N, C-alpha and C. Protein backbone atom coordinates (compact mmCIF):
# COMPACT_ATOMS: atom_id res chain seq x y z
N MET A 1 33.31 9.39 76.25
CA MET A 1 32.47 8.71 75.31
C MET A 1 31.97 9.67 74.24
N ALA A 2 31.55 10.88 74.68
CA ALA A 2 31.07 11.87 73.74
C ALA A 2 32.17 12.27 72.77
N THR A 3 33.40 12.38 73.27
CA THR A 3 34.51 12.75 72.42
C THR A 3 34.79 11.66 71.39
N ALA A 4 34.68 10.41 71.77
CA ALA A 4 34.91 9.30 70.85
C ALA A 4 33.85 9.27 69.76
N CYS A 5 32.57 9.54 70.11
CA CYS A 5 31.49 9.57 69.11
C CYS A 5 31.70 10.71 68.13
N ALA A 6 32.11 11.88 68.63
CA ALA A 6 32.35 13.03 67.76
C ALA A 6 33.48 12.73 66.79
N ALA A 7 34.55 12.08 67.27
CA ALA A 7 35.68 11.73 66.41
C ALA A 7 35.24 10.73 65.34
N LEU A 8 34.40 9.76 65.73
CA LEU A 8 33.91 8.77 64.78
C LEU A 8 33.05 9.43 63.70
N LEU A 9 32.19 10.36 64.08
CA LEU A 9 31.35 11.07 63.11
C LEU A 9 32.20 11.90 62.15
N LEU A 10 33.22 12.57 62.65
CA LEU A 10 34.10 13.36 61.79
C LEU A 10 34.83 12.45 60.80
N THR A 11 35.24 11.30 61.24
CA THR A 11 35.95 10.35 60.37
C THR A 11 35.02 9.86 59.27
N LEU A 12 33.79 9.49 59.61
CA LEU A 12 32.83 9.02 58.60
C LEU A 12 32.47 10.13 57.62
N GLY A 13 32.27 11.34 58.11
CA GLY A 13 31.95 12.47 57.24
C GLY A 13 33.08 12.74 56.26
N GLY A 14 34.30 12.70 56.75
CA GLY A 14 35.46 12.91 55.87
C GLY A 14 35.59 11.79 54.87
N THR A 15 35.35 10.56 55.29
CA THR A 15 35.44 9.42 54.40
C THR A 15 34.37 9.53 53.31
N TYR A 16 33.19 9.95 53.70
CA TYR A 16 32.10 10.12 52.73
C TYR A 16 32.51 11.12 51.66
N ALA A 17 33.11 12.22 52.06
CA ALA A 17 33.52 13.25 51.12
C ALA A 17 34.55 12.71 50.14
N TYR A 18 35.38 11.79 50.57
CA TYR A 18 36.39 11.24 49.67
C TYR A 18 35.79 10.30 48.63
N PHE A 19 34.60 9.76 48.88
CA PHE A 19 33.97 8.83 47.94
C PHE A 19 32.89 9.47 47.07
N SER A 20 32.72 10.77 47.06
CA SER A 20 31.71 11.41 46.20
C SER A 20 32.36 11.79 44.87
N ALA A 21 31.54 11.89 43.82
CA ALA A 21 32.06 12.24 42.49
C ALA A 21 30.96 12.97 41.73
N SER A 22 31.33 13.69 40.67
CA SER A 22 30.35 14.36 39.82
C SER A 22 30.89 14.39 38.39
N ALA A 23 29.99 14.56 37.45
CA ALA A 23 30.37 14.65 36.03
C ALA A 23 29.36 15.55 35.33
N VAL A 24 29.76 16.11 34.20
CA VAL A 24 28.89 16.98 33.40
C VAL A 24 28.78 16.36 32.01
N SER A 25 27.54 16.23 31.51
CA SER A 25 27.35 15.63 30.19
C SER A 25 27.70 16.65 29.10
N LYS A 26 27.89 16.13 27.91
CA LYS A 26 28.12 17.01 26.76
C LYS A 26 26.77 17.62 26.38
N PRO A 27 26.77 18.79 25.76
CA PRO A 27 25.49 19.43 25.41
C PRO A 27 24.74 18.62 24.36
N GLY A 28 23.41 18.54 24.51
CA GLY A 28 22.56 17.89 23.52
C GLY A 28 22.03 18.94 22.54
N GLN A 29 21.47 18.47 21.44
CA GLN A 29 20.93 19.40 20.45
C GLN A 29 19.53 18.96 20.07
N ILE A 30 18.62 19.89 20.03
CA ILE A 30 17.25 19.63 19.60
C ILE A 30 16.96 20.57 18.45
N THR A 31 16.53 20.01 17.34
CA THR A 31 16.20 20.82 16.18
C THR A 31 14.72 20.65 15.88
N ALA A 32 14.02 21.74 15.70
CA ALA A 32 12.60 21.68 15.38
C ALA A 32 12.42 21.24 13.93
N GLY A 33 11.40 20.43 13.69
CA GLY A 33 11.07 20.03 12.33
C GLY A 33 10.38 21.18 11.61
N ASN A 34 10.10 20.99 10.33
CA ASN A 34 9.41 22.04 9.59
C ASN A 34 8.40 21.44 8.62
N LEU A 35 7.42 22.25 8.29
CA LEU A 35 6.44 21.92 7.27
C LEU A 35 6.72 22.78 6.06
N SER A 36 6.79 22.16 4.92
CA SER A 36 7.03 22.89 3.68
C SER A 36 6.34 22.13 2.56
N VAL A 37 5.70 22.85 1.66
CA VAL A 37 4.97 22.21 0.57
C VAL A 37 5.38 22.84 -0.75
N GLU A 38 5.38 22.01 -1.78
CA GLU A 38 5.68 22.47 -3.13
C GLU A 38 4.58 21.92 -4.03
N VAL A 39 4.09 22.73 -4.95
CA VAL A 39 3.06 22.27 -5.88
C VAL A 39 3.56 22.45 -7.31
N ASP A 40 3.12 21.56 -8.16
CA ASP A 40 3.51 21.59 -9.57
C ASP A 40 2.29 21.18 -10.38
N GLU A 41 1.90 22.01 -11.33
CA GLU A 41 0.80 21.66 -12.23
C GLU A 41 1.37 20.93 -13.42
N ARG A 42 0.65 19.88 -13.85
CA ARG A 42 1.10 19.10 -15.00
C ARG A 42 -0.06 18.90 -15.96
N ASP A 43 0.27 18.95 -17.24
CA ASP A 43 -0.76 18.70 -18.25
C ASP A 43 -0.90 17.18 -18.45
N PRO A 44 -1.83 16.73 -19.29
CA PRO A 44 -2.04 15.29 -19.44
C PRO A 44 -0.80 14.52 -19.89
N SER A 45 0.15 15.16 -20.56
CA SER A 45 1.37 14.46 -20.99
C SER A 45 2.38 14.34 -19.85
N GLY A 46 2.11 15.00 -18.72
CA GLY A 46 3.02 14.96 -17.59
C GLY A 46 3.99 16.13 -17.54
N ALA A 47 3.94 17.00 -18.55
CA ALA A 47 4.83 18.16 -18.59
C ALA A 47 4.37 19.22 -17.58
N SER A 48 5.32 19.85 -16.91
CA SER A 48 4.99 20.92 -15.95
C SER A 48 4.50 22.15 -16.71
N GLY A 49 3.58 22.85 -16.09
CA GLY A 49 3.10 24.08 -16.69
C GLY A 49 1.67 24.36 -16.31
N PHE A 50 1.22 25.51 -16.71
CA PHE A 50 -0.13 25.95 -16.40
C PHE A 50 -1.13 25.28 -17.32
N VAL A 51 -2.38 25.23 -16.86
CA VAL A 51 -3.46 24.78 -17.72
C VAL A 51 -3.73 25.90 -18.70
N GLY A 52 -3.65 25.59 -19.95
CA GLY A 52 -3.91 26.60 -20.98
C GLY A 52 -4.86 26.05 -22.02
N LEU A 53 -6.00 26.67 -22.18
CA LEU A 53 -6.99 26.24 -23.16
C LEU A 53 -7.29 27.40 -24.10
N ARG A 54 -7.26 27.14 -25.37
CA ARG A 54 -7.63 28.13 -26.39
C ARG A 54 -8.81 27.56 -27.16
N GLY A 55 -9.74 28.40 -27.52
CA GLY A 55 -10.87 27.96 -28.33
C GLY A 55 -11.88 27.11 -27.58
N ALA A 56 -12.00 27.31 -26.27
CA ALA A 56 -13.00 26.56 -25.50
C ALA A 56 -14.39 26.91 -26.01
N ALA A 57 -15.26 25.90 -26.05
CA ALA A 57 -16.62 26.11 -26.55
C ALA A 57 -17.57 25.19 -25.79
N PRO A 58 -18.87 25.56 -25.78
CA PRO A 58 -19.85 24.69 -25.13
C PRO A 58 -19.79 23.28 -25.69
N GLY A 59 -19.94 22.30 -24.79
CA GLY A 59 -19.89 20.90 -25.17
C GLY A 59 -18.51 20.30 -25.08
N GLY A 60 -17.49 21.09 -24.74
CA GLY A 60 -16.13 20.59 -24.67
C GLY A 60 -15.77 20.05 -23.30
N GLN A 61 -14.79 19.14 -23.28
CA GLN A 61 -14.22 18.61 -22.03
C GLN A 61 -12.71 18.58 -22.22
N TRP A 62 -11.97 18.99 -21.17
CA TRP A 62 -10.51 19.05 -21.26
C TRP A 62 -9.87 18.38 -20.07
N PRO A 63 -8.98 17.44 -20.25
CA PRO A 63 -8.75 16.72 -21.50
C PRO A 63 -9.98 15.92 -21.90
N ALA A 64 -10.06 15.56 -23.16
CA ALA A 64 -11.26 14.93 -23.71
C ALA A 64 -11.45 13.50 -23.20
N SER A 65 -10.38 12.82 -22.89
CA SER A 65 -10.45 11.43 -22.43
C SER A 65 -10.61 11.36 -20.92
N ASP A 66 -11.47 10.46 -20.44
CA ASP A 66 -11.65 10.28 -19.00
C ASP A 66 -10.42 9.68 -18.33
N SER A 67 -9.53 9.06 -19.11
CA SER A 67 -8.33 8.45 -18.53
C SER A 67 -7.22 9.48 -18.34
N GLU A 68 -7.39 10.68 -18.86
CA GLU A 68 -6.38 11.74 -18.73
C GLU A 68 -6.88 12.83 -17.80
N SER A 69 -5.93 13.61 -17.29
CA SER A 69 -6.31 14.72 -16.42
C SER A 69 -5.19 15.74 -16.36
N TYR A 70 -5.55 16.90 -15.89
CA TYR A 70 -4.55 17.85 -15.42
C TYR A 70 -4.25 17.43 -13.99
N THR A 71 -3.05 17.66 -13.52
CA THR A 71 -2.67 17.17 -12.20
C THR A 71 -1.96 18.24 -11.41
N LEU A 72 -2.35 18.38 -10.17
CA LEU A 72 -1.65 19.23 -9.23
C LEU A 72 -0.88 18.28 -8.32
N VAL A 73 0.46 18.25 -8.46
CA VAL A 73 1.30 17.37 -7.65
C VAL A 73 1.68 18.15 -6.39
N ILE A 74 1.35 17.59 -5.24
CA ILE A 74 1.61 18.22 -3.94
C ILE A 74 2.71 17.41 -3.26
N THR A 75 3.85 18.06 -3.00
CA THR A 75 5.01 17.38 -2.42
C THR A 75 5.33 17.96 -1.05
N ASN A 76 5.50 17.09 -0.07
CA ASN A 76 5.90 17.51 1.27
C ASN A 76 7.43 17.63 1.25
N THR A 77 7.93 18.85 1.19
CA THR A 77 9.38 19.08 1.18
C THR A 77 9.92 19.39 2.56
N GLY A 78 9.09 19.26 3.59
CA GLY A 78 9.52 19.49 4.96
C GLY A 78 10.08 18.23 5.59
N SER A 79 10.29 18.28 6.90
CA SER A 79 10.87 17.15 7.62
C SER A 79 9.86 16.43 8.52
N LEU A 80 8.61 16.91 8.54
CA LEU A 80 7.56 16.29 9.36
C LEU A 80 6.46 15.71 8.49
N SER A 81 5.79 14.68 8.96
CA SER A 81 4.60 14.18 8.27
C SER A 81 3.56 15.29 8.26
N ALA A 82 2.84 15.39 7.15
CA ALA A 82 1.90 16.50 7.01
C ALA A 82 0.55 16.02 6.52
N LEU A 83 -0.48 16.73 6.93
CA LEU A 83 -1.83 16.54 6.42
C LEU A 83 -2.18 17.74 5.57
N ILE A 84 -2.93 17.51 4.53
CA ILE A 84 -3.42 18.64 3.74
C ILE A 84 -4.58 19.25 4.51
N ASP A 85 -4.37 20.46 5.02
CA ASP A 85 -5.43 21.16 5.75
C ASP A 85 -6.49 21.68 4.81
N SER A 86 -6.05 22.23 3.68
CA SER A 86 -7.01 22.80 2.74
C SER A 86 -6.41 22.89 1.35
N ILE A 87 -7.29 22.79 0.37
CA ILE A 87 -6.99 23.11 -1.01
C ILE A 87 -8.15 23.99 -1.45
N ASP A 88 -7.84 25.20 -1.81
CA ASP A 88 -8.87 26.15 -2.22
C ASP A 88 -8.66 26.56 -3.67
N VAL A 89 -9.76 26.68 -4.40
CA VAL A 89 -9.73 27.25 -5.73
C VAL A 89 -9.84 28.76 -5.57
N VAL A 90 -8.97 29.47 -6.26
CA VAL A 90 -9.00 30.93 -6.24
C VAL A 90 -9.16 31.40 -7.68
N ILE A 91 -10.24 32.11 -7.97
CA ILE A 91 -10.44 32.69 -9.29
C ILE A 91 -9.70 34.03 -9.29
N THR A 92 -8.73 34.18 -10.19
CA THR A 92 -7.87 35.37 -10.15
C THR A 92 -8.22 36.41 -11.20
N SER A 93 -9.12 36.10 -12.12
CA SER A 93 -9.48 37.11 -13.12
C SER A 93 -10.62 37.96 -12.58
N GLY A 94 -10.69 39.18 -13.03
CA GLY A 94 -11.73 40.08 -12.55
C GLY A 94 -12.58 40.65 -13.66
N ARG A 95 -12.36 40.21 -14.90
CA ARG A 95 -13.11 40.75 -16.03
C ARG A 95 -14.45 40.05 -16.17
N GLN A 96 -15.42 40.78 -16.64
CA GLN A 96 -16.75 40.21 -16.85
C GLN A 96 -17.05 40.17 -18.33
N PRO A 97 -17.68 39.19 -18.88
CA PRO A 97 -18.10 38.00 -18.13
C PRO A 97 -16.89 37.11 -17.85
N ASP A 98 -16.91 36.43 -16.73
CA ASP A 98 -15.84 35.53 -16.32
C ASP A 98 -16.21 34.12 -16.78
N LEU A 99 -15.38 33.53 -17.62
CA LEU A 99 -15.66 32.22 -18.19
C LEU A 99 -15.85 31.14 -17.11
N SER A 100 -15.29 31.36 -15.93
CA SER A 100 -15.45 30.36 -14.86
C SER A 100 -16.92 30.13 -14.53
N GLU A 101 -17.76 31.11 -14.78
CA GLU A 101 -19.19 30.97 -14.51
C GLU A 101 -19.85 29.94 -15.41
N ALA A 102 -19.26 29.64 -16.56
CA ALA A 102 -19.84 28.68 -17.50
C ALA A 102 -19.21 27.30 -17.36
N LEU A 103 -18.07 27.20 -16.67
CA LEU A 103 -17.32 25.95 -16.62
C LEU A 103 -17.65 25.10 -15.40
N GLU A 104 -17.43 23.81 -15.54
CA GLU A 104 -17.52 22.86 -14.43
C GLU A 104 -16.17 22.16 -14.31
N ILE A 105 -15.90 21.64 -13.12
CA ILE A 105 -14.64 20.96 -12.85
C ILE A 105 -14.96 19.72 -12.01
N ARG A 106 -14.11 18.71 -12.14
CA ARG A 106 -14.23 17.56 -11.25
C ARG A 106 -12.84 17.19 -10.76
N TYR A 107 -12.81 16.60 -9.56
CA TYR A 107 -11.56 16.30 -8.87
C TYR A 107 -11.49 14.83 -8.50
N SER A 108 -10.28 14.31 -8.50
CA SER A 108 -10.01 12.97 -8.00
C SER A 108 -8.66 13.04 -7.29
N PHE A 109 -8.61 12.52 -6.08
CA PHE A 109 -7.39 12.60 -5.29
C PHE A 109 -6.72 11.24 -5.25
N ALA A 110 -5.41 11.21 -5.47
CA ALA A 110 -4.67 9.94 -5.46
C ALA A 110 -3.34 10.13 -4.76
N GLY A 111 -2.95 9.13 -3.97
CA GLY A 111 -1.63 9.14 -3.37
C GLY A 111 -0.59 8.74 -4.39
N GLY A 112 0.64 9.15 -4.17
CA GLY A 112 1.72 8.79 -5.09
C GLY A 112 1.47 9.29 -6.48
N ARG A 113 1.70 8.45 -7.46
CA ARG A 113 1.57 8.85 -8.86
C ARG A 113 0.42 8.11 -9.57
N HIS A 114 -0.59 7.70 -8.82
CA HIS A 114 -1.72 7.00 -9.40
C HIS A 114 -2.56 7.95 -10.25
N GLY A 115 -3.23 7.40 -11.24
CA GLY A 115 -4.09 8.20 -12.10
C GLY A 115 -5.42 8.51 -11.44
N PRO A 116 -6.27 9.24 -12.16
CA PRO A 116 -7.56 9.62 -11.58
C PRO A 116 -8.52 8.44 -11.47
N ASP A 117 -9.33 8.47 -10.42
CA ASP A 117 -10.42 7.51 -10.25
C ASP A 117 -11.67 8.36 -10.05
N TRP A 118 -12.34 8.67 -11.14
CA TRP A 118 -13.47 9.60 -11.09
C TRP A 118 -14.62 9.04 -10.27
N SER A 119 -14.71 7.71 -10.11
CA SER A 119 -15.77 7.14 -9.29
C SER A 119 -15.56 7.48 -7.82
N GLN A 120 -14.34 7.81 -7.42
CA GLN A 120 -14.02 8.21 -6.05
C GLN A 120 -13.76 9.71 -5.96
N GLY A 121 -14.22 10.45 -6.96
CA GLY A 121 -13.96 11.89 -7.00
C GLY A 121 -15.16 12.72 -6.59
N SER A 122 -15.13 13.96 -7.00
CA SER A 122 -16.14 14.93 -6.59
C SER A 122 -17.37 14.92 -7.46
N GLY A 123 -17.28 14.36 -8.66
CA GLY A 123 -18.34 14.56 -9.64
C GLY A 123 -18.18 15.96 -10.21
N TRP A 124 -18.95 16.30 -11.22
CA TRP A 124 -18.85 17.62 -11.85
C TRP A 124 -19.50 18.67 -10.95
N VAL A 125 -18.76 19.73 -10.67
CA VAL A 125 -19.25 20.84 -9.85
C VAL A 125 -18.88 22.15 -10.56
N ASP A 126 -19.56 23.22 -10.21
CA ASP A 126 -19.25 24.52 -10.79
C ASP A 126 -17.83 24.94 -10.40
N LEU A 127 -17.14 25.60 -11.33
CA LEU A 127 -15.81 26.14 -11.05
C LEU A 127 -15.99 27.45 -10.30
N VAL A 128 -16.03 27.35 -9.00
CA VAL A 128 -16.24 28.51 -8.13
C VAL A 128 -15.11 28.57 -7.10
N PRO A 129 -14.83 29.76 -6.58
CA PRO A 129 -13.81 29.85 -5.54
C PRO A 129 -14.26 29.15 -4.27
N GLY A 130 -13.29 28.59 -3.55
CA GLY A 130 -13.60 27.97 -2.27
C GLY A 130 -12.90 26.64 -2.08
N PRO A 131 -13.18 26.00 -0.93
CA PRO A 131 -12.52 24.74 -0.58
C PRO A 131 -13.02 23.58 -1.44
N ILE A 132 -12.11 22.64 -1.72
CA ILE A 132 -12.52 21.48 -2.50
C ILE A 132 -12.44 20.17 -1.73
N LEU A 133 -11.72 20.13 -0.60
CA LEU A 133 -11.61 18.87 0.14
C LEU A 133 -12.97 18.33 0.57
N ASP A 134 -13.90 19.22 0.88
CA ASP A 134 -15.23 18.79 1.30
C ASP A 134 -16.02 18.16 0.15
N LEU A 135 -15.58 18.35 -1.09
CA LEU A 135 -16.25 17.78 -2.24
C LEU A 135 -15.83 16.33 -2.50
N LEU A 136 -14.75 15.92 -1.86
CA LEU A 136 -14.22 14.57 -2.07
C LEU A 136 -14.78 13.60 -1.04
N PRO A 137 -14.92 12.32 -1.39
CA PRO A 137 -15.52 11.35 -0.46
C PRO A 137 -14.69 11.09 0.79
N ARG A 138 -13.38 11.31 0.73
CA ARG A 138 -12.55 11.10 1.92
C ARG A 138 -11.35 12.04 1.88
N ARG A 139 -10.83 12.29 3.06
CA ARG A 139 -9.66 13.17 3.19
C ARG A 139 -8.40 12.44 2.74
N PRO A 140 -7.45 13.18 2.19
CA PRO A 140 -6.18 12.56 1.80
C PRO A 140 -5.42 12.04 3.03
N ALA A 141 -4.65 10.98 2.84
CA ALA A 141 -3.81 10.41 3.89
C ALA A 141 -2.63 11.35 4.17
N PRO A 142 -1.99 11.22 5.32
CA PRO A 142 -0.80 12.04 5.60
C PRO A 142 0.27 11.83 4.52
N ILE A 143 1.00 12.88 4.26
CA ILE A 143 2.09 12.84 3.28
C ILE A 143 3.40 12.84 4.07
N GLN A 144 4.19 11.82 3.88
CA GLN A 144 5.47 11.71 4.57
C GLN A 144 6.49 12.66 3.95
N PRO A 145 7.53 13.04 4.70
CA PRO A 145 8.56 13.91 4.13
C PRO A 145 9.14 13.31 2.84
N GLY A 146 9.22 14.15 1.82
CA GLY A 146 9.75 13.72 0.53
C GLY A 146 8.75 13.02 -0.36
N GLU A 147 7.53 12.78 0.12
CA GLU A 147 6.52 12.07 -0.66
C GLU A 147 5.58 13.06 -1.34
N SER A 148 4.85 12.57 -2.34
CA SER A 148 3.91 13.39 -3.10
C SER A 148 2.55 12.71 -3.18
N CYS A 149 1.55 13.50 -3.48
CA CYS A 149 0.22 13.00 -3.81
C CYS A 149 -0.29 13.86 -4.96
N ALA A 150 -1.38 13.44 -5.56
CA ALA A 150 -1.84 14.12 -6.77
C ALA A 150 -3.32 14.44 -6.71
N LEU A 151 -3.65 15.66 -7.04
CA LEU A 151 -5.04 16.07 -7.23
C LEU A 151 -5.26 16.16 -8.73
N HIS A 152 -6.08 15.26 -9.27
CA HIS A 152 -6.38 15.26 -10.70
C HIS A 152 -7.64 16.09 -10.92
N PHE A 153 -7.68 16.79 -12.05
CA PHE A 153 -8.89 17.54 -12.37
C PHE A 153 -9.10 17.64 -13.86
N GLN A 154 -10.37 17.76 -14.24
CA GLN A 154 -10.78 17.97 -15.61
C GLN A 154 -11.76 19.13 -15.63
N LEU A 155 -11.85 19.78 -16.77
CA LEU A 155 -12.78 20.89 -16.96
C LEU A 155 -13.75 20.54 -18.08
N ARG A 156 -14.94 21.11 -18.01
CA ARG A 156 -15.88 20.97 -19.12
C ARG A 156 -16.78 22.20 -19.18
N TRP A 157 -17.32 22.40 -20.37
CA TRP A 157 -18.29 23.46 -20.60
C TRP A 157 -19.56 22.77 -21.06
N PRO A 158 -20.49 22.53 -20.14
CA PRO A 158 -21.70 21.82 -20.54
C PRO A 158 -22.55 22.68 -21.47
N ASN A 159 -23.27 22.01 -22.36
CA ASN A 159 -24.19 22.72 -23.25
C ASN A 159 -25.35 23.26 -22.44
N ARG A 160 -25.55 24.53 -22.53
CA ARG A 160 -26.71 25.17 -21.90
C ARG A 160 -27.47 25.91 -23.00
N ALA A 161 -28.42 26.72 -22.62
CA ALA A 161 -29.16 27.49 -23.62
C ALA A 161 -28.21 28.40 -24.38
N SER A 162 -28.38 28.50 -25.69
CA SER A 162 -27.46 29.29 -26.50
C SER A 162 -27.43 30.75 -26.05
N GLU A 163 -28.57 31.29 -25.55
CA GLU A 163 -28.57 32.69 -25.07
C GLU A 163 -27.57 32.86 -23.92
N TYR A 164 -27.48 31.83 -23.05
CA TYR A 164 -26.55 31.88 -21.93
C TYR A 164 -25.11 31.70 -22.42
N ASP A 165 -24.88 30.64 -23.19
CA ASP A 165 -23.52 30.35 -23.65
C ASP A 165 -22.95 31.47 -24.52
N ASN A 166 -23.79 32.13 -25.30
CA ASN A 166 -23.30 33.22 -26.17
C ASN A 166 -22.72 34.38 -25.36
N LEU A 167 -23.13 34.56 -24.12
CA LEU A 167 -22.59 35.62 -23.28
C LEU A 167 -21.09 35.49 -23.07
N PHE A 168 -20.57 34.26 -23.20
CA PHE A 168 -19.17 33.99 -22.87
C PHE A 168 -18.25 33.92 -24.09
N GLN A 169 -18.75 34.28 -25.27
CA GLN A 169 -17.88 34.31 -26.44
C GLN A 169 -16.74 35.29 -26.19
N GLY A 170 -15.52 34.83 -26.36
CA GLY A 170 -14.34 35.67 -26.16
C GLY A 170 -13.97 35.90 -24.70
N ALA A 171 -14.73 35.33 -23.77
CA ALA A 171 -14.45 35.52 -22.34
C ALA A 171 -13.24 34.69 -21.92
N GLU A 172 -12.66 35.05 -20.78
CA GLU A 172 -11.50 34.36 -20.23
C GLU A 172 -11.71 34.13 -18.75
N THR A 173 -10.88 33.27 -18.19
CA THR A 173 -10.83 33.11 -16.75
C THR A 173 -9.43 32.64 -16.37
N GLU A 174 -9.08 32.89 -15.14
CA GLU A 174 -7.85 32.39 -14.56
C GLU A 174 -8.18 31.87 -13.17
N PHE A 175 -7.58 30.74 -12.82
CA PHE A 175 -7.78 30.20 -11.47
C PHE A 175 -6.49 29.54 -11.02
N MET A 176 -6.37 29.39 -9.71
CA MET A 176 -5.21 28.71 -9.15
C MET A 176 -5.66 27.93 -7.92
N PHE A 177 -4.77 27.09 -7.42
CA PHE A 177 -5.04 26.31 -6.23
C PHE A 177 -4.15 26.83 -5.10
N ASP A 178 -4.73 27.02 -3.94
CA ASP A 178 -4.00 27.42 -2.73
C ASP A 178 -3.99 26.21 -1.79
N VAL A 179 -2.80 25.66 -1.53
CA VAL A 179 -2.66 24.42 -0.75
C VAL A 179 -2.02 24.76 0.60
N SER A 180 -2.59 24.22 1.68
CA SER A 180 -2.07 24.45 3.02
C SER A 180 -1.88 23.11 3.72
N LEU A 181 -0.70 22.94 4.35
CA LEU A 181 -0.40 21.73 5.10
C LEU A 181 -0.41 22.01 6.59
N GLY A 182 -0.73 20.99 7.37
CA GLY A 182 -0.63 21.04 8.83
C GLY A 182 0.12 19.80 9.30
N GLN A 183 0.59 19.85 10.51
CA GLN A 183 1.35 18.72 11.05
C GLN A 183 0.44 17.52 11.25
N ALA A 184 0.91 16.35 10.81
CA ALA A 184 0.10 15.12 10.95
C ALA A 184 0.13 14.61 12.37
C-alpha cells in the first residue's frame, strides 16, 4: 500500500511539473518629468525687450494709459504642471542715488494673454527688492505645460517735495524679475 501511494505521489508531482509555465515581460520605461520656465518682457505694443525709459521726471507714469502695461510673460516650458513659487524684484544697479528709491510700481496678474486688471492688483508700492506675490490679492493658478501667464506692471514717479525729487536728477536704476516654479 505504501509503495502504491509513493508511486501515485511521484506521478502527480511529475504531472504537475509538465503543466507549469513562465514568461518574462518586455522592459518598461519610466521617464521623469521636468520643470522649466521661460520669461519674456514685453513693452505696451507687445514687442519683446527690456523696459527702457528716458527722461523720467516727477509726475510721470509709464505707460501713461491705465489700459496699457509692461508685461512679464511666464511660460511653463517643462512637462509638468507648475506653480509659481516666487517672483522677486531684484535691483541690479549700485550707483547712488538709485532712481528706484523715487519710483513706485504696481502689479496685476493674469492667466493667458488677458490684459491688466488694476482693481485686482497690488496697488502702487515702492519699487524695492523682494517678493511680489504677497502683494497680490491671490496666488496665480497652476500653469500647464506649454501654457503662459502674464504679470503686468506700470511704473510712476509720484510728485514729492522738490528738494527730494531734485536729488534724482540724472539718476538711473536697473531692475529685473527672478521667477521660480515648483511642481503643482
